């Protein structure tokens, strides 16, 4: 468990869980302790410890500045796509936190089929959602799954933080199972909705493995298109 982002308003923590080392991200509003969890992937007890750590640190920080507020817990769980390795702990974490759920429109039915959890907020490209003190932009990235999404957090004076699920990694886009149509769709969305919109210092936090930046990956877009994955 580690803190990966510390801005004036928001703290982001992460932990890798499950046999595929899925990255779970917890975004916490410093003032209130309200949180958004991205991808309740696996190991609910581990995720629960991450949430408790954030709550304890928020209470401690608020106490230092003389606040009598009590940290809230996770208020929203967002699923970047429907694959089982990103949803295995969803039902458990909804019970533990009482949080609302959100996911991309075209993946909602499969998420409910896999987990039994209905989606409260159905997301489309260019939408937004959040909690008090924290707003995320929704970016549809069709191809890894039909309803895959990324989420962008922007705060004045800080780089954009992009939570890309399994749609963008260091070295390429997500797996499209050697389907040319799916690759073309994902590649086109990644280029037009990410690289054509956000600056080079945008930090990409993927669903597995290490982060990267759009600037690091941008010179290789032509290579990705030519190889087809």
Protein backbone atom coordinates (compact mmCIF):
# COMPACT_ATOMS: atom_id res chain seq x y z
CA UNK A 1 0.00 0.00 0.00
CA UNK A 2 1.44 3.35 -0.93
CA UNK A 3 0.60 7.00 -1.49
CA UNK A 4 1.23 7.82 -5.15
CA UNK A 5 -0.33 11.29 -5.48
CA UNK A 6 -0.45 14.10 -2.93
CA UNK A 7 -2.07 17.31 -4.18
CA UNK A 8 -3.40 20.20 -2.11
CA UNK A 9 -6.90 18.70 -2.21
CA UNK A 10 -6.62 14.97 -2.87
CA UNK A 11 -4.52 12.01 -1.80
CA UNK A 12 -4.30 8.90 -4.00
CA UNK A 13 -3.28 5.55 -2.59
CA UNK A 14 -2.87 2.23 -4.37
CA UNK A 15 -2.43 -1.43 -3.67
CA UNK A 16 -1.93 -4.38 -6.03
CA UNK A 17 -4.22 -7.34 -5.40
CA UNK A 18 -5.04 -10.77 -6.77
CA UNK A 19 -3.13 -13.22 -8.94
CA UNK A 20 -2.91 -10.70 -11.80
CA UNK A 21 -1.59 -7.88 -9.59
CA UNK A 22 -4.46 -5.54 -10.30
CA UNK A 23 -4.00 -1.96 -9.21
CA UNK A 24 -6.73 -0.67 -6.93
CA UNK A 25 -6.81 3.13 -6.55
CA UNK A 26 -8.34 5.08 -3.67
CA UNK A 27 -8.79 8.83 -4.11
CA UNK A 28 -9.47 10.65 -0.84
CA UNK A 29 -10.58 14.24 -0.31
CA UNK A 30 -8.28 15.60 2.37
CA UNK A 31 -10.79 17.97 3.91
CA UNK A 32 -13.58 15.45 4.42
CA UNK A 33 -12.10 11.97 4.06
CA UNK A 34 -14.66 11.16 1.37
CA UNK A 35 -13.30 8.64 -1.09
CA UNK A 36 -13.65 7.16 -4.55
CA UNK A 37 -12.43 3.61 -5.13
CA UNK A 38 -11.42 2.67 -8.67
CA UNK A 39 -11.69 -1.07 -9.44
CA UNK A 40 -12.61 -3.28 -6.50
CA UNK A 41 -10.53 -5.99 -8.11
CA UNK A 42 -9.83 -8.68 -5.49
CA UNK A 43 -8.80 -9.29 -1.86
CA UNK A 44 -11.51 -7.28 -0.08
CA UNK A 45 -9.66 -7.44 3.23
CA UNK A 46 -6.63 -5.80 1.62
CA UNK A 47 -8.80 -3.09 0.09
CA UNK A 48 -10.48 -2.61 3.44
CA UNK A 49 -7.08 -2.00 5.06
CA UNK A 50 -6.31 0.60 2.39
CA UNK A 51 -9.57 2.39 3.16
CA UNK A 52 -8.98 2.27 6.92
CA UNK A 53 -5.47 3.62 6.47
CA UNK A 54 -6.81 6.58 4.51
CA UNK A 55 -9.52 7.25 7.09
CA UNK A 56 -7.10 7.13 10.01
CA UNK A 57 -4.65 9.46 8.30
CA UNK A 58 -7.41 11.91 7.41
CA UNK A 59 -8.67 12.05 10.99
CA UNK A 60 -5.10 12.54 12.23
CA UNK A 61 -4.40 15.32 9.72
CA UNK A 62 -7.67 17.11 10.51
CA UNK A 63 -6.89 16.84 14.20
CA UNK A 64 -3.55 18.53 13.63
CA UNK A 65 -5.27 21.53 12.02
CA UNK A 66 -7.87 21.68 14.76
CA UNK A 67 -10.81 20.21 12.84
CA UNK A 68 -13.45 18.16 14.64
CA UNK A 69 -14.58 16.47 11.41
CA UNK A 70 -14.58 12.69 11.24
CA UNK A 71 -13.27 11.09 8.08
CA UNK A 72 -15.92 9.57 5.87
CA UNK A 73 -15.39 6.33 4.01
CA UNK A 74 -15.69 5.35 0.37
CA UNK A 75 -18.74 6.95 -1.21
CA UNK A 76 -18.35 5.74 -4.79
CA UNK A 77 -16.85 2.65 -6.45
CA UNK A 78 -16.05 3.02 -10.15
CA UNK A 79 -15.31 -0.01 -12.32
CA UNK A 80 -13.18 0.70 -15.39
CA UNK A 81 -14.42 -2.39 -17.25
CA UNK A 82 -16.25 -5.65 -16.78
CA UNK A 83 -13.49 -8.25 -16.68
CA UNK A 84 -13.55 -10.53 -13.66
CA UNK A 85 -10.08 -9.58 -12.44
CA UNK A 86 -11.34 -6.00 -11.99
CA UNK A 87 -14.65 -6.86 -10.32
CA UNK A 88 -14.04 -9.84 -8.02
CA UNK A 89 -14.30 -7.81 -4.80
CA UNK A 90 -17.05 -5.46 -5.99
CA UNK A 91 -19.98 -7.12 -4.24
CA UNK A 92 -18.07 -7.45 -0.99
CA UNK A 93 -16.87 -3.84 -1.03
CA UNK A 94 -20.35 -2.50 -1.76
CA UNK A 95 -21.61 -4.32 1.35
CA UNK A 96 -18.69 -3.11 3.47
CA UNK A 97 -18.84 0.54 2.38
CA UNK A 98 -22.44 1.15 1.31
CA UNK A 99 -20.99 3.03 -1.67
CA UNK A 100 -22.77 3.76 -4.91
CA UNK A 101 -21.40 2.07 -8.02
CA UNK A 102 -20.54 3.38 -11.48
CA UNK A 103 -19.38 1.86 -14.77
CA UNK A 104 -19.41 2.37 -18.53
CA UNK A 105 -22.79 1.88 -20.16
CA UNK A 106 -21.87 -1.04 -22.44
CA UNK A 107 -20.30 -3.03 -19.59
CA UNK A 108 -23.07 -2.63 -17.02
CA UNK A 109 -24.96 -5.81 -17.91
CA UNK A 110 -21.86 -7.99 -17.80
CA UNK A 111 -20.74 -6.51 -14.48
CA UNK A 112 -24.11 -7.35 -12.95
CA UNK A 113 -23.98 -10.84 -14.46
CA UNK A 114 -20.52 -11.48 -12.99
CA UNK A 115 -21.04 -9.89 -9.58
CA UNK A 116 -24.76 -9.55 -8.89
CA UNK A 117 -24.19 -5.83 -8.32
CA UNK A 118 -26.38 -3.33 -10.14
CA UNK A 119 -24.73 -0.15 -11.38
CA UNK A 120 -26.11 3.03 -9.84
CA UNK A 121 -24.45 5.50 -12.20
CA UNK A 122 -24.19 4.57 -15.88
CA UNK A 123 -21.31 6.41 -17.53
CA UNK A 124 -20.75 7.70 -21.06
CA UNK A 125 -17.82 9.38 -22.75
CA UNK A 126 -17.30 13.05 -21.83
CA UNK A 127 -19.43 12.78 -18.73
CA UNK A 128 -18.32 13.53 -15.21
CA UNK A 129 -19.00 12.23 -11.75
CA UNK A 130 -17.64 12.53 -8.27
CA UNK A 131 -18.24 13.34 -4.64
CA UNK A 132 -18.00 16.64 -2.73
CA UNK A 133 -14.51 18.01 -3.32
CA UNK A 134 -13.57 15.57 -6.09
CA UNK A 135 -14.75 15.43 -9.71
CA UNK A 136 -13.56 13.02 -12.41
CA UNK A 137 -13.96 13.22 -16.17
CA UNK A 138 -15.16 10.04 -17.88
CA UNK A 139 -13.43 8.98 -21.10
CA UNK A 140 -14.89 6.13 -23.14
CA UNK A 141 -12.22 3.86 -24.65
CA UNK A 142 -13.97 1.18 -26.69
CA UNK A 143 -12.08 -1.98 -27.58
CA UNK A 144 -10.66 -3.84 -24.60
CA UNK A 145 -14.32 -4.17 -23.66
CA UNK A 146 -17.23 -2.28 -25.25
CA UNK A 147 -17.74 -0.12 -22.17
CA UNK A 148 -14.18 0.42 -20.98
CA UNK A 149 -13.56 3.83 -19.45
CA UNK A 150 -10.68 5.91 -18.20
CA UNK A 151 -11.00 8.60 -15.54
CA UNK A 152 -9.15 11.90 -15.45
CA UNK A 153 -8.53 14.01 -12.37
CA UNK A 154 -7.42 17.61 -12.95
CA UNK A 155 -6.41 20.03 -10.21
CA UNK A 156 -5.06 23.50 -10.87
CA UNK A 157 -1.27 23.60 -10.76
CA UNK A 158 -0.91 19.81 -10.88
CA UNK A 159 -0.47 17.31 -13.72
CA UNK A 160 -3.54 15.49 -14.96
CA UNK A 161 -3.89 12.04 -13.41
CA UNK A 162 -5.41 9.49 -15.78
CA UNK A 163 -6.68 6.15 -14.46
CA UNK A 164 -6.73 4.08 -17.63
CA UNK A 165 -7.94 0.64 -16.58
CA UNK A 166 -6.76 -1.90 -19.13
CA UNK A 167 -7.00 0.46 -22.11
CA UNK A 168 -3.56 2.09 -21.98
CA UNK A 169 -0.28 0.82 -20.57
CA UNK A 170 3.40 1.65 -20.90
CA UNK A 171 4.19 0.39 -24.39
CA UNK A 172 0.74 0.12 -25.90
CA UNK A 173 -3.01 -0.11 -25.70
CA UNK A 174 -4.88 -2.89 -23.93
CA UNK A 175 -5.46 -6.42 -25.17
CA UNK A 176 -7.97 -6.67 -28.03
CA UNK A 177 -7.42 -10.41 -28.63
CA UNK A 178 -5.91 -9.87 -32.08
CA UNK A 179 -9.23 -8.56 -33.38
CA UNK A 180 -8.45 -5.86 -35.97
CA UNK A 181 -11.77 -4.07 -35.49
CA UNK A 182 -11.41 -3.94 -31.72
CA UNK A 183 -7.83 -2.73 -31.98
CA UNK A 184 -8.78 -0.03 -34.48
CA UNK A 185 -11.55 1.16 -32.17
CA UNK A 186 -9.35 1.26 -29.08
CA UNK A 187 -6.43 2.86 -30.87
CA UNK A 188 -8.66 5.56 -32.37
CA UNK A 189 -10.23 6.36 -29.00
CA UNK A 190 -6.90 6.43 -27.18
CA UNK A 191 -5.46 8.83 -29.76
CA UNK A 192 -8.45 11.15 -30.16
CA UNK A 193 -9.69 11.14 -26.56
CA UNK A 194 -6.39 10.99 -24.66
CA UNK A 195 -3.33 11.95 -26.69
CA UNK A 196 -5.14 14.69 -28.67
CA UNK A 197 -6.67 16.16 -25.51
CA UNK A 198 -4.24 15.90 -22.61
CA UNK A 199 -0.68 17.27 -22.31
CA UNK A 200 2.54 15.28 -22.23
CA UNK A 201 2.94 15.55 -18.45
CA UNK A 202 -0.33 13.66 -17.90
CA UNK A 203 0.40 10.71 -15.64
CA UNK A 204 -1.17 7.39 -16.66
CA UNK A 205 -2.07 4.99 -13.86
CA UNK A 206 -2.96 1.65 -15.50
CA UNK A 207 -4.94 -1.31 -14.21
CA UNK A 208 -1.77 -3.41 -13.87
CA UNK A 209 1.90 -2.56 -13.52
CA UNK A 210 3.76 0.71 -13.49
CA UNK A 211 2.65 4.21 -14.44
CA UNK A 212 3.80 6.18 -17.46
CA UNK A 213 3.11 9.58 -19.04
CA UNK A 214 1.47 10.52 -22.31
CA UNK A 215 4.69 12.25 -23.30
CA UNK A 216 6.66 9.04 -22.86
CA UNK A 217 4.24 7.06 -25.01
CA UNK A 218 3.35 9.65 -27.67
CA UNK A 219 6.40 9.04 -29.95
CA UNK A 220 5.40 5.37 -30.27
CA UNK A 221 1.81 5.77 -31.49
CA UNK A 222 2.79 5.06 -35.08
CA UNK A 223 4.55 1.86 -34.04
CA UNK A 224 1.46 0.67 -32.18
CA UNK A 225 -0.76 1.31 -35.18
CA UNK A 226 1.58 -0.51 -37.53
CA UNK A 227 1.96 -3.60 -35.38
CA UNK A 228 -1.78 -3.78 -34.62
CA UNK A 229 -1.61 -4.23 -30.86
